[in-house]
C-alpha atoms as a PDB file:
ATOM      1  CA  ALA A   1     -34.098  16.434  27.980  1.00  0.00           C
ATOM      2  CA  TYR A   2     -32.456  17.158  31.286  1.00  0.00           C
ATOM      3  CA  PHE A   3     -34.417  19.082  33.919  1.00  0.00           C
ATOM      4  CA  LEU A   4     -31.928  20.333  36.460  1.00  0.00           C
ATOM      5  CA  ALA A   5     -31.494  22.119  39.721  1.00  0.00           C
ATOM      6  CA  PRO A   6     -27.994  23.381  40.532  1.00  0.00           C
ATOM      7  CA  GLY A   7     -27.520  20.517  42.986  1.00  0.00           C
ATOM      8  CA  LEU A   8     -28.296  17.934  40.295  1.00  0.00           C
ATOM      9  CA  PHE A   9     -25.468  18.955  37.966  1.00  0.00           C
ATOM     10  CA  HIS A  10     -23.548  15.735  38.564  1.00  0.00           C
ATOM     11  CA  ASP A  11     -26.610  13.558  37.893  1.00  0.00           C
ATOM     12  CA  ALA A  12     -27.098  15.168  34.493  1.00  0.00           C
ATOM     13  CA  VAL A  13     -23.455  14.711  33.519  1.00  0.00           C
ATOM     14  CA  MET A  14     -23.609  11.033  34.475  1.00  0.00           C
ATOM     15  CA  ALA A  15     -26.843  10.590  32.532  1.00  0.00           C
ATOM     16  CA  ALA A  16     -25.248  12.108  29.452  1.00  0.00           C
ATOM     17  CA  ALA A  17     -22.168   9.949  29.875  1.00  0.00           C
ATOM     18  CA  TRP A  18     -24.382   6.873  29.731  1.00  0.00           C
ATOM     19  CA  GLY A  19     -25.812   8.065  26.423  1.00  0.00           C
ATOM     20  CA  ALA A  20     -29.314   8.793  27.738  1.00  0.00           C
ATOM     21  CA  GLY A  21     -31.374  10.533  25.102  1.00  0.00           C
ATOM     22  CA  ALA A  22     -34.062  11.708  27.508  1.00  0.00           C
ATOM     23  CA  VAL A  23     -33.592  11.760  31.265  1.00  0.00           C
ATOM     24  CA  ALA A  24     -35.795  13.658  33.683  1.00  0.00           C
ATOM     25  CA  VAL A  25     -34.472  14.568  37.137  1.00  0.00           C
ATOM     26  CA  SER A  26     -37.124  15.905  39.431  1.00  0.00           C
ATOM     27  CA  ALA A  27     -36.647  18.395  42.236  1.00  0.00           C
ATOM     28  CA  PRO A  28     -38.740  21.048  44.001  1.00  0.00           C
ATOM     29  CA  LEU A  29     -37.751  23.910  41.705  1.00  0.00           C
ATOM     30  CA  THR A  30     -39.242  27.322  41.235  1.00  0.00           C
ATOM     31  CA  ASP A  31     -37.122  27.993  38.146  1.00  0.00           C
ATOM     32  CA  PRO A  32     -36.208  24.706  36.403  1.00  0.00           C
ATOM     33  CA  LEU A  33     -33.518  24.454  33.774  1.00  0.00           C
ATOM     34  CA  ALA A  34     -34.068  22.300  30.676  1.00  0.00           C
ATOM     35  CA  LEU A  35     -31.139  20.984  28.639  1.00  0.00           C
ATOM     36  CA  HIS A  36     -31.746  18.926  25.492  1.00  0.00           C
ATOM     37  CA  PRO A  37     -28.873  17.506  23.395  1.00  0.00           C
ATOM     38  CA  ALA A  38     -29.187  17.864  19.630  1.00  0.00           C
ATOM     39  CA  MET A  39     -27.984  14.325  19.091  1.00  0.00           C
ATOM     40  CA  THR A  40     -29.398  10.875  18.459  1.00  0.00           C
ATOM     41  CA  PHE A  41     -28.570   8.029  20.828  1.00  0.00           C
ATOM     42  CA  THR A  42     -28.916   4.409  19.755  1.00  0.00           C
ATOM     43  CA  GLY A  43     -27.278   2.676  22.735  1.00  0.00           C
ATOM     44  CA  GLN A  44     -24.107   1.956  20.772  1.00  0.00           C
ATOM     45  CA  PRO A  45     -20.577   2.405  22.198  1.00  0.00           C
ATOM     46  CA  ASP A  46     -19.882   5.456  20.022  1.00  0.00           C
ATOM     47  CA  ASP A  47     -22.805   7.452  21.473  1.00  0.00           C
ATOM     48  CA  LEU A  48     -20.611   9.152  24.077  1.00  0.00           C
ATOM     49  CA  ALA A  49     -18.016  10.286  21.546  1.00  0.00           C
ATOM     50  CA  ARG A  50     -20.757  12.073  19.600  1.00  0.00           C
ATOM     51  CA  LEU A  51     -21.407  14.453  22.505  1.00  0.00           C
ATOM     52  CA  ALA A  52     -18.250  16.437  21.706  1.00  0.00           C
ATOM     53  CA  GLY A  53     -19.064  19.727  20.010  1.00  0.00           C
ATOM     54  CA  ILE A  54     -22.837  19.283  19.740  1.00  0.00           C
ATOM     55  CA  SER A  55     -25.459  21.895  20.547  1.00  0.00           C
ATOM     56  CA  TYR A  56     -27.849  21.770  23.494  1.00  0.00           C
ATOM     57  CA  GLY A  57     -31.243  23.414  23.410  1.00  0.00           C
ATOM     58  CA  VAL A  58     -31.389  25.212  26.741  1.00  0.00           C
ATOM     59  CA  THR A  59     -34.363  26.838  28.441  1.00  0.00           C
ATOM     60  CA  ALA A  60     -33.454  28.654  31.629  1.00  0.00           C
ATOM     61  CA  PRO A  61     -34.243  31.813  33.566  1.00  0.00           C
ATOM     62  CA  ALA A  62     -31.584  34.512  33.423  1.00  0.00           C
ATOM     63  CA  GLU A  63     -30.125  33.629  36.800  1.00  0.00           C
ATOM     64  CA  LEU A  64     -29.473  30.023  35.726  1.00  0.00           C
ATOM     65  CA  ARG A  65     -27.977  30.784  32.311  1.00  0.00           C
ATOM     66  CA  PRO A  66     -24.364  30.842  33.566  1.00  0.00           C
ATOM     67  CA  LEU A  67     -24.914  27.384  35.085  1.00  0.00           C
ATOM     68  CA  ALA A  68     -26.512  26.132  31.882  1.00  0.00           C
ATOM     69  CA  ALA A  69     -23.645  27.450  29.769  1.00  0.00           C
ATOM     70  CA  ARG A  70     -21.133  25.814  32.096  1.00  0.00           C
ATOM     71  CA  LEU A  71     -23.001  22.515  32.028  1.00  0.00           C
ATOM     72  CA  ALA A  72     -23.108  22.511  28.222  1.00  0.00           C
ATOM     73  CA  ALA A  73     -19.392  23.327  28.111  1.00  0.00           C
ATOM     74  CA  ASP A  74     -18.564  20.556  30.616  1.00  0.00           C
ATOM     75  CA  LEU A  75     -20.427  18.147  28.344  1.00  0.00           C
ATOM     76  CA  GLY A  76     -18.286  19.337  25.435  1.00  0.00           C
ATOM     77  CA  GLY A  77     -21.060  21.285  23.721  1.00  0.00           C
ATOM     78  CA  VAL A  78     -22.530  24.739  23.254  1.00  0.00           C
ATOM     79  CA  PRO A  79     -25.911  26.125  24.349  1.00  0.00           C
ATOM     80  CA  GLU A  80     -28.664  27.320  22.027  1.00  0.00           C
ATOM     81  CA  TRP A  81     -31.119  29.395  24.053  1.00  0.00           C
ATOM     82  CA  ILE A  82     -34.697  28.261  23.447  1.00  0.00           C
ATOM     83  CA  GLY A  83     -37.765  29.990  24.868  1.00  0.00           C
ATOM     84  CA  GLU A  84     -40.199  27.876  26.860  1.00  0.00           C
ATOM     85  CA  ALA A  85     -42.931  28.257  24.228  1.00  0.00           C
ATOM     86  CA  ASP A  86     -40.511  27.211  21.467  1.00  0.00           C
ATOM     87  CA  ARG A  87     -39.315  23.979  23.072  1.00  0.00           C
ATOM     88  CA  PRO A  88     -41.865  21.813  21.159  1.00  0.00           C
ATOM     89  CA  LEU A  89     -40.841  23.497  17.884  1.00  0.00           C
ATOM     90  CA  TYR A  90     -37.152  22.932  18.654  1.00  0.00           C
ATOM     91  CA  HIS A  91     -37.778  19.261  19.359  1.00  0.00           C
ATOM     92  CA  ALA A  92     -40.038  18.873  16.310  1.00  0.00           C
ATOM     93  CA  ALA A  93     -37.244  20.255  14.123  1.00  0.00           C
ATOM     94  CA  LEU A  94     -34.746  17.757  15.523  1.00  0.00           C
ATOM     95  CA  ALA A  95     -37.160  14.838  15.152  1.00  0.00           C
ATOM     96  CA  HIS A  96     -38.160  15.940  11.645  1.00  0.00           C
ATOM     97  CA  GLY A  97     -34.527  16.122  10.584  1.00  0.00           C
ATOM     98  CA  ALA A  98     -33.000  13.108  12.328  1.00  0.00           C
ATOM     99  CA  ASN A  99     -35.799  10.572  12.831  1.00  0.00           C
ATOM    100  CA  HIS A 100     -37.363  11.101   9.427  1.00  0.00           C
ATOM    101  CA  LEU A 101     -33.947  10.995   7.782  1.00  0.00           C
ATOM    102  CA  VAL A 102     -33.497   7.444   9.063  1.00  0.00           C
ATOM    103  CA  THR A 103     -36.878   6.499   7.604  1.00  0.00           C
ATOM    104  CA  LEU A 104     -36.068   8.181   4.292  1.00  0.00           C
ATOM    105  CA  VAL A 105     -32.678   6.470   3.963  1.00  0.00           C
ATOM    106  CA  ASN A 106     -34.156   3.061   4.754  1.00  0.00           C
ATOM    107  CA  GLU A 107     -36.983   3.637   2.265  1.00  0.00           C
ATOM    108  CA  ALA A 108     -34.423   4.455  -0.422  1.00  0.00           C
ATOM    109  CA  ALA A 109     -32.391   1.368   0.493  1.00  0.00           C
ATOM    110  CA  ASP A 110     -35.477  -0.840   0.297  1.00  0.00           C
ATOM    111  CA  ARG A 111     -36.413   0.462  -3.138  1.00  0.00           C
ATOM    112  CA  LEU A 112     -32.866  -0.112  -4.384  1.00  0.00           C
ATOM    113  CA  ARG A 113     -33.122  -3.714  -3.179  1.00  0.00           C
ATOM    114  CA  ASP A 114     -36.390  -3.984  -5.083  1.00  0.00           C
ATOM    115  CA  ALA A 115     -34.499  -2.789  -8.170  1.00  0.00           C
ATOM    116  CA  GLY A 116     -31.923  -5.547  -7.741  1.00  0.00           C
ATOM    117  CA  VAL A 117     -29.144  -3.696  -5.888  1.00  0.00           C
ATOM    118  CA  ALA A 118     -27.485  -6.134  -3.470  1.00  0.00           C
ATOM    119  CA  GLN A 119     -25.710  -3.542  -1.306  1.00  0.00           C
ATOM    120  CA  PRO A 120     -27.743  -0.330  -1.403  1.00  0.00           C
ATOM    121  CA  GLU A 121     -25.689   1.297   1.344  1.00  0.00           C
ATOM    122  CA  LYS A 122     -22.698   1.416  -1.013  1.00  0.00           C
ATOM    123  CA  VAL A 123     -24.788   3.191  -3.635  1.00  0.00           C
ATOM    124  CA  LEU A 124     -26.393   5.598  -1.191  1.00  0.00           C
ATOM    125  CA  ALA A 125     -23.468   6.542   1.043  1.00  0.00           C
ATOM    126  CA  PRO A 126     -21.601   8.952  -1.283  1.00  0.00           C
ATOM    127  CA  LEU A 127     -24.830  10.356  -2.726  1.00  0.00           C
ATOM    128  CA  LEU A 128     -26.463  11.046   0.629  1.00  0.00           C
ATOM    129  CA  ARG A 129     -23.311  12.449   2.209  1.00  0.00           C
ATOM    130  CA  ALA A 130     -22.962  14.885  -0.687  1.00  0.00           C
ATOM    131  CA  ALA A 131     -26.644  15.844  -0.514  1.00  0.00           C
ATOM    132  CA  LEU A 132     -26.455  16.446   3.245  1.00  0.00           C
ATOM    133  CA  GLU A 133     -23.275  18.494   3.018  1.00  0.00           C
ATOM    134  CA  ASN A 134     -24.712  20.543   0.143  1.00  0.00           C
ATOM    135  CA  ALA A 135     -27.996  21.129   1.981  1.00  0.00           C
ATOM    136  CA  LEU A 136     -26.226  22.334   5.135  1.00  0.00           C
ATOM    137  CA  ARG A 137     -23.924  24.584   3.106  1.00  0.00           C
ATOM    138  CA  LEU A 138     -26.239  25.830   0.364  1.00  0.00           C
ATOM    139  CA  GLY A 139     -29.778  25.511   1.722  1.00  0.00           C
ATOM    140  CA  ASP A 140     -32.400  25.239  -1.021  1.00  0.00           C
ATOM    141  CA  ASP A 141     -29.730  25.931  -3.648  1.00  0.00           C
ATOM    142  CA  ALA A 142     -28.670  22.316  -3.078  1.00  0.00           C
ATOM    143  CA  LEU A 143     -31.884  21.040  -4.682  1.00  0.00           C
ATOM    144  CA  THR A 144     -31.356  18.874  -7.748  1.00  0.00           C
ATOM    145  CA  GLY A 145     -33.362  16.196  -9.503  1.00  0.00           C
ATOM    146  CA  PRO A 146     -36.603  15.981 -11.477  1.00  0.00           C
ATOM    147  CA  VAL A 147     -38.802  17.950  -9.074  1.00  0.00           C
ATOM    148  CA  SER A 148     -36.461  20.948  -9.034  1.00  0.00           C
ATOM    149  CA  ARG A 149     -36.434  20.830 -12.869  1.00  0.00           C
ATOM    150  CA  GLY A 150     -40.204  20.513 -13.172  1.00  0.00           C
ATOM    151  CA  ASP A 151     -39.746  17.170 -14.952  1.00  0.00           C
ATOM    152  CA  ALA A 152     -43.310  15.877 -14.671  1.00  0.00           C
ATOM    153  CA  GLY A 153     -42.746  12.873 -16.952  1.00  0.00           C
ATOM    154  CA  THR A 154     -39.957  11.426 -14.822  1.00  0.00           C
ATOM    155  CA  VAL A 155     -41.896  11.951 -11.607  1.00  0.00           C
ATOM    156  CA  GLU A 156     -44.946  10.265 -13.121  1.00  0.00           C
ATOM    157  CA  ARG A 157     -42.835   7.257 -14.091  1.00  0.00           C
ATOM    158  CA  HIS A 158     -41.461   7.144 -10.541  1.00  0.00           C
ATOM    159  CA  LEU A 159     -44.965   7.094  -9.114  1.00  0.00           C
ATOM    160  CA  ALA A 160     -46.202   4.432 -11.505  1.00  0.00           C
ATOM    161  CA  ARG A 161     -43.340   2.082 -10.699  1.00  0.00           C
ATOM    162  CA  LEU A 162     -43.615   2.739  -6.963  1.00  0.00           C
ATOM    163  CA  ALA A 163     -47.332   2.017  -7.081  1.00  0.00           C
ATOM    164  CA  ALA A 164     -46.632  -1.335  -8.743  1.00  0.00           C
ATOM    165  CA  THR A 165     -43.678  -2.335  -6.575  1.00  0.00           C
ATOM    166  CA  ALA A 166     -44.044  -0.635  -3.182  1.00  0.00           C
ATOM    167  CA  PRO A 167     -47.384   1.156  -2.866  1.00  0.00           C
ATOM    168  CA  GLU A 168     -46.604   2.058   0.743  1.00  0.00           C
ATOM    169  CA  SER A 169     -43.889   4.389  -0.588  1.00  0.00           C
ATOM    170  CA  VAL A 170     -46.193   6.404  -2.851  1.00  0.00           C
ATOM    171  CA  ALA A 171     -47.674   8.660  -0.166  1.00  0.00           C
ATOM    172  CA  PRO A 172     -44.327   9.658   1.396  1.00  0.00           C
ATOM    173  CA  TYR A 173     -42.815  10.215  -2.059  1.00  0.00           C
ATOM    174  CA  LEU A 174     -45.728  12.484  -2.976  1.00  0.00           C
ATOM    175  CA  ALA A 175     -45.577  14.416   0.298  1.00  0.00           C
ATOM    176  CA  LEU A 176     -41.851  15.082  -0.022  1.00  0.00           C
ATOM    177  CA  ALA A 177     -42.071  15.861  -3.740  1.00  0.00           C
ATOM    178  CA  ARG A 178     -44.820  18.417  -3.130  1.00  0.00           C
ATOM    179  CA  ARG A 179     -42.810  20.066  -0.364  1.00  0.00           C
ATOM    180  CA  THR A 180     -39.700  20.004  -2.546  1.00  0.00           C
ATOM    181  CA  ALA A 181     -41.629  21.697  -5.357  1.00  0.00           C
ATOM    182  CA  ASP A 182     -42.910  24.359  -2.959  1.00  0.00           C
ATOM    183  CA  ARG A 183     -39.403  25.093  -1.745  1.00  0.00           C
ATOM    184  CA  ALA A 184     -37.942  25.077  -5.257  1.00  0.00           C
ATOM    185  CA  ILE A 185     -40.566  27.596  -6.393  1.00  0.00           C
ATOM    186  CA  ALA A 186     -40.084  29.805  -3.323  1.00  0.00           C
ATOM    187  CA  ALA A 187     -36.302  29.744  -3.822  1.00  0.00           C
ATOM    188  CA  GLY A 188     -36.645  30.754  -7.487  1.00  0.00           C
ATOM    189  CA  ARG A 189     -35.140  27.502  -8.724  1.00  0.00           C
ATOM    190  CA  LEU A 190     -38.400  26.408 -10.394  1.00  0.00           C
ATOM    191  CA  ARG A 191     -40.619  28.879 -12.220  1.00  0.00           C
ATOM    192  CA  PRO A 192     -44.336  28.500 -11.458  1.00  0.00           C
ATOM    193  CA  VAL A 193     -45.093  28.219 -15.189  1.00  0.00           C
ATOM    194  CA  ASP A 194     -42.621  25.336 -15.477  1.00  0.00           C
ATOM    195  CA  ALA A 195     -44.102  23.678 -12.403  1.00  0.00           C
ATOM    196  CA  GLU A 196     -47.687  23.416 -13.678  1.00  0.00           C
ATOM    197  CA  SER A 197     -47.431  19.932 -15.203  1.00  0.00           C
ATOM    198  CA  LEU A 198     -45.407  18.659 -12.270  1.00  0.00           C
ATOM    199  CA  LEU A 199     -47.906  19.971  -9.736  1.00  0.00           C
ATOM    200  CA  GLY A 200     -50.665  18.331 -11.750  1.00  0.00           C
ATOM    201  CA  VAL A 201     -48.920  14.961 -11.481  1.00  0.00           C
ATOM    202  CA  LEU A 202     -48.351  15.440  -7.761  1.00  0.00           C
ATOM    203  CA  ALA A 203     -52.033  16.288  -7.361  1.00  0.00           C
ATOM    204  CA  GLY A 204     -53.014  13.129  -9.231  1.00  0.00           C
ATOM    205  CA  ASP A 205     -54.075  14.888 -12.451  1.00  0.00           C
ATOM    206  CA  ARG A 206     -52.327  12.921 -15.216  1.00  0.00           C
ATOM    207  CA  ARG A 207     -53.901  15.107 -17.886  1.00  0.00           C
ATOM    208  CA  GLN A 208     -51.426  17.859 -16.961  1.00  0.00           C
ATOM    209  CA  VAL A 209     -48.535  15.765 -18.297  1.00  0.00           C
ATOM    210  CA  ALA A 210     -50.077  15.371 -21.733  1.00  0.00           C
ATOM    211  CA  ALA A 211     -51.071  19.033 -21.943  1.00  0.00           C
END
């Protein structure tokens, strides 16, 4: 995040140009301005190019909003106005989406290697790009797969094989499957009656599958 006074405009631009993900500039301010890029920075040469067109979460008093909008525009982006109390929620959303996505993709790649796939990135790339594009365009209507169908038997087989091969992946699979089921039910894509056996499996009750 960038914490700016009007006189520190240049410092913030230079920090962004160097691909800094979180830079704090201190000054004796009564009304500070906070600017946070919605972008991940890995220290690679293409970091700077990714600044073009991104959003910046901006918290600023009314009198500094024109400056904030100009700063975001000079950086090639657009401001999203975030209240002071909502800054942690804004950042949690970005971290939940971007940081956890990296973990999820690498987990999937590891399990494909366990299954004998030599180049998992080639398998995952078209699938994950399609899933991401569909999710951004369709929201929960993009859900597919065994959880959205209430297919308890398939999910149980997933869990059994994960437990035998990569037990460290069982807990995250369960957490995401439960949340996926909740969202599928709320979106009307999975009827509660059809979800009973699935929810039993996700809760660890194998008797639900046989019922």
